[in-house]
Amino acid sequence: MNNNNELIQVAKIGRLVGLRGELRLNIHCDFPEQFKPNVTFATDKNFNLQIDSFNPKKNTILFKGYSSRDSAAKLVNLNLFTTAEETSKACKLKDGEFFWFDMIGSVVQEENMVLGVVKDIERMGLDDYLLIDTANELVEQGLAKLFYLPYIDRYIVDFDKDKKIVHSKDALDILKNS
């Protein structure tokens, strides 16, 4: 998702939790601060929802126009999306931090060898894993077409956001054992 016009899933609407139309919000991003009143998100049903209120302590949300239990029930299980551009505006990063969409599409390189391209990033438990689409030359040598690389210091040396290069160490060993 390296195109600023592509939609990025940031949350999924869960069950009803109140009498006024409150819903549980299952956040799929590291930036709950973007869920604030009057912010609009796209849904997977091709309509937009505007936030009326959000309680970050309880992860409950209320949308404008859905202030009854019956009307809000129609929103259960919808996914909420935004764009990379909107996320960049709404969420301020610290030095050395970046968004997942900045890294997706980046080349994974170990020393001078290209191992592949970051296809996606998945959170498993408390850790993030890069899903790497292995370079064709390595696949032709019999290595796996895809492999996971934990995003931890043991394997990730650094990420050059401008050049879109993930510098790794010992990632080739993971690929060989995949």
C-alpha atoms as a PDB file:
ATOM      1  CA  MET A   1       0.000   0.000   0.000  1.00  0.00           C
ATOM      2  CA  ASN A   2       2.565   2.506  -1.040  1.00  0.00           C
ATOM      3  CA  ASN A   3       0.141   4.609  -3.081  1.00  0.00           C
ATOM      4  CA  ASN A   4      -1.383   7.493  -1.117  1.00  0.00           C
ATOM      5  CA  ASN A   5      -4.768   6.964  -2.813  1.00  0.00           C
ATOM      6  CA  GLU A   6      -5.072   3.340  -1.720  1.00  0.00           C
ATOM      7  CA  LEU A   7      -7.205   2.599   1.290  1.00  0.00           C
ATOM      8  CA  ILE A   8      -5.655   1.233   4.459  1.00  0.00           C
ATOM      9  CA  GLN A   9      -7.709  -0.703   6.984  1.00  0.00           C
ATOM     10  CA  VAL A  10      -7.396   0.918  10.406  1.00  0.00           C
ATOM     11  CA  ALA A  11     -10.202  -0.723  12.392  1.00  0.00           C
ATOM     12  CA  LYS A  12     -13.128  -3.112  12.443  1.00  0.00           C
ATOM     13  CA  ILE A  13     -16.416  -2.298  14.114  1.00  0.00           C
ATOM     14  CA  GLY A  14     -17.374  -4.846  16.736  1.00  0.00           C
ATOM     15  CA  ARG A  15     -20.464  -5.583  18.780  1.00  0.00           C
ATOM     16  CA  LEU A  16     -23.009  -3.183  20.221  1.00  0.00           C
ATOM     17  CA  VAL A  17     -22.180  -2.103  23.774  1.00  0.00           C
ATOM     18  CA  GLY A  18     -24.684   0.556  24.661  1.00  0.00           C
ATOM     19  CA  LEU A  19     -28.229   1.731  24.327  1.00  0.00           C
ATOM     20  CA  ARG A  20     -27.316   4.876  22.386  1.00  0.00           C
ATOM     21  CA  GLY A  21     -25.605   3.109  19.471  1.00  0.00           C
ATOM     22  CA  GLU A  22     -22.143   2.704  20.952  1.00  0.00           C
ATOM     23  CA  LEU A  23     -20.030   0.037  19.310  1.00  0.00           C
ATOM     24  CA  ARG A  24     -16.798  -1.693  20.229  1.00  0.00           C
ATOM     25  CA  LEU A  25     -13.947  -0.578  17.969  1.00  0.00           C
ATOM     26  CA  ASN A  26     -11.230  -3.117  17.208  1.00  0.00           C
ATOM     27  CA  ILE A  27      -8.285  -0.950  16.201  1.00  0.00           C
ATOM     28  CA  HIS A  28      -5.892  -2.421  13.627  1.00  0.00           C
ATOM     29  CA  CYS A  29      -3.260   0.301  13.787  1.00  0.00           C
ATOM     30  CA  ASP A  30      -0.877   1.906  16.250  1.00  0.00           C
ATOM     31  CA  PHE A  31      -2.559   5.307  16.162  1.00  0.00           C
ATOM     32  CA  PRO A  32      -5.813   5.466  18.137  1.00  0.00           C
ATOM     33  CA  GLU A  33      -5.487   9.269  18.170  1.00  0.00           C
ATOM     34  CA  GLN A  34      -6.897   9.387  14.640  1.00  0.00           C
ATOM     35  CA  PHE A  35     -10.309   8.304  15.975  1.00  0.00           C
ATOM     36  CA  LYS A  36     -11.673  11.660  17.035  1.00  0.00           C
ATOM     37  CA  PRO A  37     -14.956  13.515  16.529  1.00  0.00           C
ATOM     38  CA  ASN A  38     -15.812  14.652  12.987  1.00  0.00           C
ATOM     39  CA  VAL A  39     -13.202  12.414  11.318  1.00  0.00           C
ATOM     40  CA  THR A  40     -14.641  10.404   8.429  1.00  0.00           C
ATOM     41  CA  PHE A  41     -13.654   6.867   7.443  1.00  0.00           C
ATOM     42  CA  ALA A  42     -14.579   4.801   4.404  1.00  0.00           C
ATOM     43  CA  THR A  43     -16.212   1.404   4.908  1.00  0.00           C
ATOM     44  CA  ASP A  44     -16.064  -1.819   2.949  1.00  0.00           C
ATOM     45  CA  LYS A  45     -19.731  -1.257   2.003  1.00  0.00           C
ATOM     46  CA  ASN A  46     -18.888   1.860  -0.061  1.00  0.00           C
ATOM     47  CA  PHE A  47     -20.213   4.506   2.292  1.00  0.00           C
ATOM     48  CA  ASN A  48     -18.506   6.780   4.799  1.00  0.00           C
ATOM     49  CA  LEU A  49     -18.960   7.064   8.542  1.00  0.00           C
ATOM     50  CA  GLN A  50     -18.247  10.169  10.569  1.00  0.00           C
ATOM     51  CA  ILE A  51     -17.259   9.822  14.220  1.00  0.00           C
ATOM     52  CA  ASP A  52     -19.490  11.493  16.773  1.00  0.00           C
ATOM     53  CA  SER A  53     -17.476  10.358  19.813  1.00  0.00           C
ATOM     54  CA  PHE A  54     -14.760   7.861  20.731  1.00  0.00           C
ATOM     55  CA  ASN A  55     -13.802   6.581  24.168  1.00  0.00           C
ATOM     56  CA  PRO A  56     -10.171   5.342  23.978  1.00  0.00           C
ATOM     57  CA  LYS A  57     -10.301   3.806  27.468  1.00  0.00           C
ATOM     58  CA  LYS A  58     -13.181   1.511  26.522  1.00  0.00           C
ATOM     59  CA  ASN A  59     -12.549   1.428  22.744  1.00  0.00           C
ATOM     60  CA  THR A  60     -16.158   2.391  22.104  1.00  0.00           C
ATOM     61  CA  ILE A  61     -17.298   4.586  19.263  1.00  0.00           C
ATOM     62  CA  LEU A  62     -20.460   6.395  18.228  1.00  0.00           C
ATOM     63  CA  PHE A  63     -21.075   7.489  14.638  1.00  0.00           C
ATOM     64  CA  LYS A  64     -23.136  10.467  13.490  1.00  0.00           C
ATOM     65  CA  GLY A  65     -26.556   9.376  12.276  1.00  0.00           C
ATOM     66  CA  TYR A  66     -26.414   6.084  14.183  1.00  0.00           C
ATOM     67  CA  SER A  67     -27.497   7.117  17.669  1.00  0.00           C
ATOM     68  CA  SER A  68     -29.855   4.229  18.373  1.00  0.00           C
ATOM     69  CA  ARG A  69     -29.101   0.596  19.034  1.00  0.00           C
ATOM     70  CA  ASP A  70     -31.140  -0.489  15.996  1.00  0.00           C
ATOM     71  CA  SER A  71     -29.433   1.852  13.545  1.00  0.00           C
ATOM     72  CA  ALA A  72     -25.930   1.099  14.897  1.00  0.00           C
ATOM     73  CA  ALA A  73     -26.532  -2.668  14.610  1.00  0.00           C
ATOM     74  CA  LYS A  74     -26.203  -2.261  10.829  1.00  0.00           C
ATOM     75  CA  LEU A  75     -22.544  -1.234  11.301  1.00  0.00           C
ATOM     76  CA  VAL A  76     -21.364  -4.339  13.191  1.00  0.00           C
ATOM     77  CA  ASN A  77     -18.445  -6.087  11.435  1.00  0.00           C
ATOM     78  CA  LEU A  78     -17.759  -3.256   8.991  1.00  0.00           C
ATOM     79  CA  ASN A  79     -14.128  -2.407   8.324  1.00  0.00           C
ATOM     80  CA  LEU A  80     -12.944   1.216   8.518  1.00  0.00           C
ATOM     81  CA  PHE A  81     -10.427   2.553   6.008  1.00  0.00           C
ATOM     82  CA  THR A  82      -8.435   5.716   5.442  1.00  0.00           C
ATOM     83  CA  THR A  83      -5.691   6.783   3.049  1.00  0.00           C
ATOM     84  CA  ALA A  84      -1.962   7.020   3.637  1.00  0.00           C
ATOM     85  CA  GLU A  85      -2.235  10.764   3.097  1.00  0.00           C
ATOM     86  CA  GLU A  86      -4.918  11.181   5.784  1.00  0.00           C
ATOM     87  CA  THR A  87      -2.995   8.945   8.188  1.00  0.00           C
ATOM     88  CA  SER A  88       0.179  10.981   7.650  1.00  0.00           C
ATOM     89  CA  LYS A  89      -1.728  14.181   8.458  1.00  0.00           C
ATOM     90  CA  ALA A  90      -3.521  12.802  11.522  1.00  0.00           C
ATOM     91  CA  CYS A  91      -0.665  10.848  13.138  1.00  0.00           C
ATOM     92  CA  LYS A  92       2.594  12.429  14.136  1.00  0.00           C
ATOM     93  CA  LEU A  93       5.638  10.185  14.206  1.00  0.00           C
ATOM     94  CA  LYS A  94       8.740  10.453  16.350  1.00  0.00           C
ATOM     95  CA  ASP A  95      12.219  10.412  14.850  1.00  0.00           C
ATOM     96  CA  GLY A  96      13.031   6.999  13.441  1.00  0.00           C
ATOM     97  CA  GLU A  97       9.378   5.922  13.269  1.00  0.00           C
ATOM     98  CA  PHE A  98       7.469   5.209  10.075  1.00  0.00           C
ATOM     99  CA  PHE A  99       4.156   3.826   8.887  1.00  0.00           C
ATOM    100  CA  TRP A 100       3.751   0.279   7.627  1.00  0.00           C
ATOM    101  CA  PHE A 101       2.729   1.637   4.221  1.00  0.00           C
ATOM    102  CA  ASP A 102       6.132   3.354   4.033  1.00  0.00           C
ATOM    103  CA  MET A 103       7.859  -0.029   4.266  1.00  0.00           C
ATOM    104  CA  ILE A 104       5.529  -2.105   2.065  1.00  0.00           C
ATOM    105  CA  GLY A 105       7.089  -2.353  -1.390  1.00  0.00           C
ATOM    106  CA  SER A 106      10.615  -1.854  -0.044  1.00  0.00           C
ATOM    107  CA  VAL A 107      13.522  -4.047  -1.088  1.00  0.00           C
ATOM    108  CA  VAL A 108      14.985  -6.334   1.586  1.00  0.00           C
ATOM    109  CA  GLN A 109      18.746  -6.426   1.230  1.00  0.00           C
ATOM    110  CA  GLU A 110      21.381  -8.370   3.130  1.00  0.00           C
ATOM    111  CA  GLU A 111      24.865  -7.045   2.480  1.00  0.00           C
ATOM    112  CA  ASN A 112      24.706  -6.647  -1.349  1.00  0.00           C
ATOM    113  CA  MET A 113      22.155  -9.410  -1.982  1.00  0.00           C
ATOM    114  CA  VAL A 114      18.498  -8.594  -2.662  1.00  0.00           C
ATOM    115  CA  LEU A 115      16.341 -11.131  -0.825  1.00  0.00           C
ATOM    116  CA  GLY A 116      12.988  -9.814  -1.991  1.00  0.00           C
ATOM    117  CA  VAL A 117      10.349  -7.150  -1.517  1.00  0.00           C
ATOM    118  CA  VAL A 118       8.126  -6.458   1.502  1.00  0.00           C
ATOM    119  CA  LYS A 119       4.677  -7.610   0.399  1.00  0.00           C
ATOM    120  CA  ASP A 120       2.861  -6.983   3.668  1.00  0.00           C
ATOM    121  CA  ILE A 121       3.371  -6.615   7.410  1.00  0.00           C
ATOM    122  CA  GLU A 122       1.470  -8.729   9.903  1.00  0.00           C
ATOM    123  CA  ARG A 123       1.251  -8.481  13.655  1.00  0.00           C
ATOM    124  CA  MET A 124       1.426 -11.835  15.399  1.00  0.00           C
ATOM    125  CA  GLY A 125       1.177 -11.593  19.144  1.00  0.00           C
ATOM    126  CA  LEU A 126       3.277  -8.630  20.182  1.00  0.00           C
ATOM    127  CA  ASP A 127       5.678  -8.708  17.232  1.00  0.00           C
ATOM    128  CA  ASP A 128       5.480  -7.491  13.654  1.00  0.00           C
ATOM    129  CA  TYR A 129       6.594  -9.713  10.788  1.00  0.00           C
ATOM    130  CA  LEU A 130       7.516  -8.630   7.280  1.00  0.00           C
ATOM    131  CA  LEU A 131       6.027 -10.896   4.625  1.00  0.00           C
ATOM    132  CA  ILE A 132       8.735 -11.017   1.983  1.00  0.00           C
ATOM    133  CA  ASP A 133       8.094 -11.868  -1.664  1.00  0.00           C
ATOM    134  CA  THR A 134      11.386 -13.639  -2.424  1.00  0.00           C
ATOM    135  CA  ALA A 135      13.516 -12.407  -5.338  1.00  0.00           C
ATOM    136  CA  ASN A 136      13.027 -14.521  -8.499  1.00  0.00           C
ATOM    137  CA  GLU A 137      16.710 -15.512  -8.659  1.00  0.00           C
ATOM    138  CA  LEU A 138      16.447 -17.075  -5.205  1.00  0.00           C
ATOM    139  CA  VAL A 139      13.149 -18.814  -5.988  1.00  0.00           C
ATOM    140  CA  GLU A 140      14.795 -20.301  -9.095  1.00  0.00           C
ATOM    141  CA  GLN A 141      17.454 -21.729  -6.740  1.00  0.00           C
ATOM    142  CA  GLY A 142      14.714 -23.632  -4.928  1.00  0.00           C
ATOM    143  CA  LEU A 143      14.072 -21.241  -2.030  1.00  0.00           C
ATOM    144  CA  ALA A 144      10.569 -20.388  -0.779  1.00  0.00           C
ATOM    145  CA  LYS A 145       8.473 -17.878  -2.757  1.00  0.00           C
ATOM    146  CA  LEU A 146       7.442 -16.130   0.467  1.00  0.00           C
ATOM    147  CA  PHE A 147       8.916 -15.947   3.942  1.00  0.00           C
ATOM    148  CA  TYR A 148       8.354 -14.073   7.189  1.00  0.00           C
ATOM    149  CA  LEU A 149      11.032 -11.909   8.729  1.00  0.00           C
ATOM    150  CA  PRO A 150      10.528 -10.760  12.334  1.00  0.00           C
ATOM    151  CA  TYR A 151      10.841  -6.997  12.678  1.00  0.00           C
ATOM    152  CA  ILE A 152      13.303  -7.123  15.566  1.00  0.00           C
ATOM    153  CA  ASP A 153      16.861  -5.843  15.973  1.00  0.00           C
ATOM    154  CA  ARG A 154      18.215  -9.374  15.573  1.00  0.00           C
ATOM    155  CA  TYR A 155      17.202  -9.330  11.877  1.00  0.00           C
ATOM    156  CA  ILE A 156      16.563  -5.707  10.909  1.00  0.00           C
ATOM    157  CA  VAL A 157      19.607  -3.438  10.792  1.00  0.00           C
ATOM    158  CA  ASP A 158      17.747  -0.352   9.562  1.00  0.00           C
ATOM    159  CA  PHE A 159      15.154   0.949   7.133  1.00  0.00           C
ATOM    160  CA  ASP A 160      15.982   3.672   4.615  1.00  0.00           C
ATOM    161  CA  LYS A 161      12.561   5.197   4.002  1.00  0.00           C
ATOM    162  CA  ASP A 162      13.762   7.472   1.189  1.00  0.00           C
ATOM    163  CA  LYS A 163      15.464   4.681  -0.775  1.00  0.00           C
ATOM    164  CA  LYS A 164      12.850   2.085   0.301  1.00  0.00           C
ATOM    165  CA  ILE A 165      15.489  -0.418   1.428  1.00  0.00           C
ATOM    166  CA  VAL A 166      15.301  -2.672   4.485  1.00  0.00           C
ATOM    167  CA  HIS A 167      18.815  -3.661   5.517  1.00  0.00           C
ATOM    168  CA  SER A 168      18.772  -7.071   7.187  1.00  0.00           C
ATOM    169  CA  LYS A 169      21.118  -9.550   8.822  1.00  0.00           C
ATOM    170  CA  ASP A 170      20.647 -13.321   9.090  1.00  0.00           C
ATOM    171  CA  ALA A 171      17.448 -13.052   7.025  1.00  0.00           C
ATOM    172  CA  LEU A 172      18.964 -15.318   4.382  1.00  0.00           C
ATOM    173  CA  ASP A 173      19.164 -18.057   7.033  1.00  0.00           C
ATOM    174  CA  ILE A 174      15.440 -17.674   7.713  1.00  0.00           C
ATOM    175  CA  LEU A 175      14.720 -17.848   3.972  1.00  0.00           C
ATOM    176  CA  LYS A 176      16.843 -20.974   3.556  1.00  0.00           C
ATOM    177  CA  ASN A 177      14.945 -22.655   6.394  1.00  0.00           C
ATOM    178  CA  SER A 178      11.495 -21.598   5.186  1.00  0.00           C
END
